[in-house]
Amino acid sequence: MSKHPLDHDRGESKGRMAKFTAAEKAEMPSNASKDLQKRARTQGDGKLKAYTKIEKTGTA
């Protein structure tokens, strides 16, 4: 049984992949992740308390 036509390597994908990875590496870390690292963390454990309450009682 032969491969599906889309599974055949035509030699073009290597060059395209190299350009894609170079572009991705140039943007690392992205501005969005830098902004998240600068942002202050939320205080408290409100979500943890809510989840444990749901687990114990079955309701929020």
PDB file of N, CA and C in Angstrom:
ATOM      1  N   MET A   1       0.858  -1.165   0.000  1.00  0.00           N
ATOM      2  CA  MET A   1       0.000   0.000   0.000  1.00  0.00           C
ATOM      3  C   MET A   1       0.907   1.232   0.000  1.00  0.00           C
ATOM      4  N   SER A   2       0.655   2.151  -0.889  1.00  0.00           N
ATOM      5  CA  SER A   2       1.489   3.341  -0.985  1.00  0.00           C
ATOM      6  C   SER A   2       0.984   4.429  -0.040  1.00  0.00           C
ATOM      7  N   LYS A   3       1.826   5.432   0.135  1.00  0.00           N
ATOM      8  CA  LYS A   3       1.479   6.536   1.028  1.00  0.00           C
ATOM      9  C   LYS A   3       0.423   7.434   0.392  1.00  0.00           C
ATOM     10  N   HIS A   4      -0.255   8.153   1.242  1.00  0.00           N
ATOM     11  CA  HIS A   4      -1.206   9.161   0.781  1.00  0.00           C
ATOM     12  C   HIS A   4      -0.410  10.257   0.069  1.00  0.00           C
ATOM     13  N   PRO A   5      -0.951  10.878  -0.979  1.00  0.00           N
ATOM     14  CA  PRO A   5      -0.211  11.906  -1.712  1.00  0.00           C
ATOM     15  C   PRO A   5       0.314  13.046  -0.834  1.00  0.00           C
ATOM     16  N   LEU A   6      -0.382  13.381   0.234  1.00  0.00           N
ATOM     17  CA  LEU A   6       0.085  14.441   1.116  1.00  0.00           C
ATOM     18  C   LEU A   6       1.248  14.006   2.002  1.00  0.00           C
ATOM     19  N   ASP A   7       1.445  12.693   2.136  1.00  0.00           N
ATOM     20  CA  ASP A   7       2.520  12.180   2.974  1.00  0.00           C
ATOM     21  C   ASP A   7       3.851  12.081   2.246  1.00  0.00           C
ATOM     22  N   HIS A   8       3.869  12.297   0.955  1.00  0.00           N
ATOM     23  CA  HIS A   8       5.111  12.224   0.196  1.00  0.00           C
ATOM     24  C   HIS A   8       5.930  13.489   0.405  1.00  0.00           C
ATOM     25  N   ASP A   9       7.224  13.328   0.629  1.00  0.00           N
ATOM     26  CA  ASP A   9       8.117  14.461   0.800  1.00  0.00           C
ATOM     27  C   ASP A   9       8.546  14.963  -0.572  1.00  0.00           C
ATOM     28  N   ARG A  10       8.254  16.206  -0.833  1.00  0.00           N
ATOM     29  CA  ARG A  10       8.613  16.775  -2.128  1.00  0.00           C
ATOM     30  C   ARG A  10       9.882  17.605  -2.042  1.00  0.00           C
ATOM     31  N   GLY A  11      10.537  17.647  -0.887  1.00  0.00           N
ATOM     32  CA  GLY A  11      11.763  18.391  -0.728  1.00  0.00           C
ATOM     33  C   GLY A  11      11.550  19.847  -0.373  1.00  0.00           C
ATOM     34  N   GLU A  12      10.342  20.356  -0.538  1.00  0.00           N
ATOM     35  CA  GLU A  12      10.068  21.752  -0.240  1.00  0.00           C
ATOM     36  C   GLU A  12       9.886  21.995   1.253  1.00  0.00           C
ATOM     37  N   SER A  13       9.442  20.991   1.963  1.00  0.00           N
ATOM     38  CA  SER A  13       9.069  21.203   3.354  1.00  0.00           C
ATOM     39  C   SER A  13      10.275  21.501   4.240  1.00  0.00           C
ATOM     40  N   LYS A  14      11.457  21.018   3.889  1.00  0.00           N
ATOM     41  CA  LYS A  14      12.622  21.257   4.737  1.00  0.00           C
ATOM     42  C   LYS A  14      12.975  22.735   4.763  1.00  0.00           C
ATOM     43  N   GLY A  15      12.972  23.381   3.618  1.00  0.00           N
ATOM     44  CA  GLY A  15      13.276  24.806   3.559  1.00  0.00           C
ATOM     45  C   GLY A  15      12.236  25.651   4.254  1.00  0.00           C
ATOM     46  N   ARG A  16      10.986  25.279   4.084  1.00  0.00           N
ATOM     47  CA  ARG A  16       9.901  26.016   4.726  1.00  0.00           C
ATOM     48  C   ARG A  16       9.963  25.847   6.233  1.00  0.00           C
ATOM     49  N   MET A  17      10.288  24.631   6.682  1.00  0.00           N
ATOM     50  CA  MET A  17      10.371  24.390   8.119  1.00  0.00           C
ATOM     51  C   MET A  17      11.531  25.160   8.727  1.00  0.00           C
ATOM     52  N   ALA A  18      12.647  25.245   8.030  1.00  0.00           N
ATOM     53  CA  ALA A  18      13.795  25.989   8.543  1.00  0.00           C
ATOM     54  C   ALA A  18      13.453  27.473   8.698  1.00  0.00           C
ATOM     55  N   LYS A  19      12.738  28.032   7.730  1.00  0.00           N
ATOM     56  CA  LYS A  19      12.334  29.433   7.819  1.00  0.00           C
ATOM     57  C   LYS A  19      11.353  29.640   8.970  1.00  0.00           C
ATOM     58  N   PHE A  20      10.446  28.696   9.150  1.00  0.00           N
ATOM     59  CA  PHE A  20       9.465  28.799  10.225  1.00  0.00           C
ATOM     60  C   PHE A  20      10.139  28.758  11.586  1.00  0.00           C
ATOM     61  N   THR A  21      11.063  27.813  11.775  1.00  0.00           N
ATOM     62  CA  THR A  21      11.729  27.707  13.072  1.00  0.00           C
ATOM     63  C   THR A  21      12.623  28.909  13.336  1.00  0.00           C
ATOM     64  N   ALA A  22      13.253  29.447  12.310  1.00  0.00           N
ATOM     65  CA  ALA A  22      14.073  30.648  12.493  1.00  0.00           C
ATOM     66  C   ALA A  22      13.214  31.826  12.931  1.00  0.00           C
ATOM     67  N   ALA A  23      12.042  31.965  12.342  1.00  0.00           N
ATOM     68  CA  ALA A  23      11.135  33.048  12.723  1.00  0.00           C
ATOM     69  C   ALA A  23      10.636  32.862  14.152  1.00  0.00           C
ATOM     70  N   GLU A  24      10.335  31.633  14.526  1.00  0.00           N
ATOM     71  CA  GLU A  24       9.862  31.362  15.879  1.00  0.00           C
ATOM     72  C   GLU A  24      10.949  31.644  16.909  1.00  0.00           C
ATOM     73  N   LYS A  25      12.162  31.245  16.629  1.00  0.00           N
ATOM     74  CA  LYS A  25      13.263  31.472  17.569  1.00  0.00           C
ATOM     75  C   LYS A  25      13.579  32.947  17.698  1.00  0.00           C
ATOM     76  N   ALA A  26      13.396  33.715  16.643  1.00  0.00           N
ATOM     77  CA  ALA A  26      13.666  35.146  16.690  1.00  0.00           C
ATOM     78  C   ALA A  26      12.693  35.861  17.606  1.00  0.00           C
ATOM     79  N   GLU A  27      11.497  35.338  17.762  1.00  0.00           N
ATOM     80  CA  GLU A  27      10.466  35.965  18.586  1.00  0.00           C
ATOM     81  C   GLU A  27      10.447  35.444  20.018  1.00  0.00           C
ATOM     82  N   MET A  28      11.350  34.547  20.373  1.00  0.00           N
ATOM     83  CA  MET A  28      11.302  33.951  21.712  1.00  0.00           C
ATOM     84  C   MET A  28      12.095  34.771  22.687  1.00  0.00           C
ATOM     85  N   PRO A  29      11.703  34.976  23.896  1.00  0.00           N
ATOM     86  CA  PRO A  29      10.318  34.825  24.323  1.00  0.00           C
ATOM     87  C   PRO A  29       9.460  35.953  23.749  1.00  0.00           C
ATOM     88  N   SER A  30       8.235  35.647  23.523  1.00  0.00           N
ATOM     89  CA  SER A  30       7.348  36.630  22.899  1.00  0.00           C
ATOM     90  C   SER A  30       7.023  37.754  23.877  1.00  0.00           C
ATOM     91  N   ASN A  31       6.557  38.845  23.342  1.00  0.00           N
ATOM     92  CA  ASN A  31       6.184  39.988  24.184  1.00  0.00           C
ATOM     93  C   ASN A  31       5.050  39.634  25.134  1.00  0.00           C
ATOM     94  N   ALA A  32       4.156  38.768  24.698  1.00  0.00           N
ATOM     95  CA  ALA A  32       3.034  38.374  25.558  1.00  0.00           C
ATOM     96  C   ALA A  32       3.530  37.640  26.797  1.00  0.00           C
ATOM     97  N   SER A  33       4.486  36.738  26.632  1.00  0.00           N
ATOM     98  CA  SER A  33       4.987  36.008  27.799  1.00  0.00           C
ATOM     99  C   SER A  33       5.807  36.927  28.707  1.00  0.00           C
ATOM    100  N   LYS A  34       6.527  37.900  28.126  1.00  0.00           N
ATOM    101  CA  LYS A  34       7.257  38.863  28.952  1.00  0.00           C
ATOM    102  C   LYS A  34       6.297  39.707  29.782  1.00  0.00           C
ATOM    103  N   ASP A  35       5.183  40.116  29.175  1.00  0.00           N
ATOM    104  CA  ASP A  35       4.191  40.909  29.900  1.00  0.00           C
ATOM    105  C   ASP A  35       3.574  40.101  31.035  1.00  0.00           C
ATOM    106  N   LEU A  36       3.329  38.824  30.804  1.00  0.00           N
ATOM    107  CA  LEU A  36       2.768  37.987  31.870  1.00  0.00           C
ATOM    108  C   LEU A  36       3.746  37.828  33.026  1.00  0.00           C
ATOM    109  N   GLN A  37       5.036  37.752  32.729  1.00  0.00           N
ATOM    110  CA  GLN A  37       6.028  37.613  33.787  1.00  0.00           C
ATOM    111  C   GLN A  37       6.140  38.883  34.620  1.00  0.00           C
ATOM    112  N   LYS A  38       5.889  40.033  34.024  1.00  0.00           N
ATOM    113  CA  LYS A  38       5.973  41.310  34.734  1.00  0.00           C
ATOM    114  C   LYS A  38       4.736  41.571  35.587  1.00  0.00           C
ATOM    115  N   ARG A  39       3.622  40.976  35.192  1.00  0.00           N
ATOM    116  CA  ARG A  39       2.356  41.247  35.876  1.00  0.00           C
ATOM    117  C   ARG A  39       2.372  40.677  37.292  1.00  0.00           C
ATOM    118  N   ALA A  40       1.807  41.412  38.206  1.00  0.00           N
ATOM    119  CA  ALA A  40       1.753  40.956  39.596  1.00  0.00           C
ATOM    120  C   ALA A  40       0.839  39.749  39.715  1.00  0.00           C
ATOM    121  N   ARG A  41       1.233  38.840  40.574  1.00  0.00           N
ATOM    122  CA  ARG A  41       0.402  37.654  40.796  1.00  0.00           C
ATOM    123  C   ARG A  41      -0.835  38.025  41.598  1.00  0.00           C
ATOM    124  N   THR A  42      -1.888  37.295  41.373  1.00  0.00           N
ATOM    125  CA  THR A  42      -3.099  37.525  42.150  1.00  0.00           C
ATOM    126  C   THR A  42      -2.873  36.988  43.556  1.00  0.00           C
ATOM    127  N   GLN A  43      -3.386  37.703  44.508  1.00  0.00           N
ATOM    128  CA  GLN A  43      -3.186  37.323  45.901  1.00  0.00           C
ATOM    129  C   GLN A  43      -4.298  36.389  46.358  1.00  0.00           C
ATOM    130  N   GLY A  44      -3.965  35.550  47.303  1.00  0.00           N
ATOM    131  CA  GLY A  44      -4.957  34.687  47.909  1.00  0.00           C
ATOM    132  C   GLY A  44      -5.107  33.360  47.190  1.00  0.00           C
ATOM    133  N   ASP A  45      -5.886  32.520  47.797  1.00  0.00           N
ATOM    134  CA  ASP A  45      -6.135  31.199  47.245  1.00  0.00           C
ATOM    135  C   ASP A  45      -7.633  30.971  47.103  1.00  0.00           C
ATOM    136  N   GLY A  46      -8.328  31.951  46.554  1.00  0.00           N
ATOM    137  CA  GLY A  46      -9.775  31.887  46.416  1.00  0.00           C
ATOM    138  C   GLY A  46     -10.244  30.726  45.564  1.00  0.00           C
ATOM    139  N   LYS A  47      -9.540  30.489  44.451  1.00  0.00           N
ATOM    140  CA  LYS A  47      -9.944  29.386  43.586  1.00  0.00           C
ATOM    141  C   LYS A  47      -9.753  28.047  44.284  1.00  0.00           C
ATOM    142  N   LEU A  48      -8.658  27.908  45.015  1.00  0.00           N
ATOM    143  CA  LEU A  48      -8.401  26.656  45.716  1.00  0.00           C
ATOM    144  C   LEU A  48      -9.493  26.379  46.737  1.00  0.00           C
ATOM    145  N   LYS A  49      -9.889  27.413  47.470  1.00  0.00           N
ATOM    146  CA  LYS A  49     -10.961  27.242  48.457  1.00  0.00           C
ATOM    147  C   LYS A  49     -12.278  26.873  47.780  1.00  0.00           C
ATOM    148  N   ALA A  50     -12.566  27.512  46.642  1.00  0.00           N
ATOM    149  CA  ALA A  50     -13.810  27.216  45.937  1.00  0.00           C
ATOM    150  C   ALA A  50     -13.808  25.784  45.423  1.00  0.00           C
ATOM    151  N   TYR A  51     -12.681  25.333  44.874  1.00  0.00           N
ATOM    152  CA  TYR A  51     -12.607  23.971  44.359  1.00  0.00           C
ATOM    153  C   TYR A  51     -12.728  22.936  45.468  1.00  0.00           C
ATOM    154  N   THR A  52     -12.095  23.178  46.604  1.00  0.00           N
ATOM    155  CA  THR A  52     -12.199  22.210  47.684  1.00  0.00           C
ATOM    156  C   THR A  52     -13.605  22.190  48.263  1.00  0.00           C
ATOM    157  N   LYS A  53     -14.272  23.352  48.270  1.00  0.00           N
ATOM    158  CA  LYS A  53     -15.662  23.391  48.744  1.00  0.00           C
ATOM    159  C   LYS A  53     -16.551  22.577  47.809  1.00  0.00           C
ATOM    160  N   ILE A  54     -16.345  22.717  46.515  1.00  0.00           N
ATOM    161  CA  ILE A  54     -17.125  21.946  45.560  1.00  0.00           C
ATOM    162  C   ILE A  54     -16.870  20.463  45.739  1.00  0.00           C
ATOM    163  N   GLU A  55     -15.602  20.112  45.968  1.00  0.00           N
ATOM    164  CA  GLU A  55     -15.265  18.700  46.122  1.00  0.00           C
ATOM    165  C   GLU A  55     -15.891  18.125  47.384  1.00  0.00           C
ATOM    166  N   LYS A  56     -15.925  18.890  48.465  1.00  0.00           N
ATOM    167  CA  LYS A  56     -16.471  18.403  49.729  1.00  0.00           C
ATOM    168  C   LYS A  56     -18.002  18.345  49.716  1.00  0.00           C
ATOM    169  N   THR A  57     -18.635  19.418  49.228  1.00  0.00           N
ATOM    170  CA  THR A  57     -20.084  19.497  49.327  1.00  0.00           C
ATOM    171  C   THR A  57     -20.815  19.171  48.033  1.00  0.00           C
ATOM    172  N   GLY A  58     -20.124  19.301  46.912  1.00  0.00           N
ATOM    173  CA  GLY A  58     -20.770  19.046  45.636  1.00  0.00           C
ATOM    174  C   GLY A  58     -21.406  20.269  45.021  1.00  0.00           C
ATOM    175  N   THR A  59     -21.413  21.391  45.757  1.00  0.00           N
ATOM    176  CA  THR A  59     -21.952  22.638  45.224  1.00  0.00           C
ATOM    177  C   THR A  59     -20.984  23.771  45.536  1.00  0.00           C
ATOM    178  N   ALA A  60     -21.120  24.854  44.781  1.00  0.00           N
ATOM    179  CA  ALA A  60     -20.254  26.018  45.023  1.00  0.00           C
ATOM    180  C   ALA A  60     -20.915  26.859  46.025  1.00  0.00           C
TER     181      ALA A  60
END
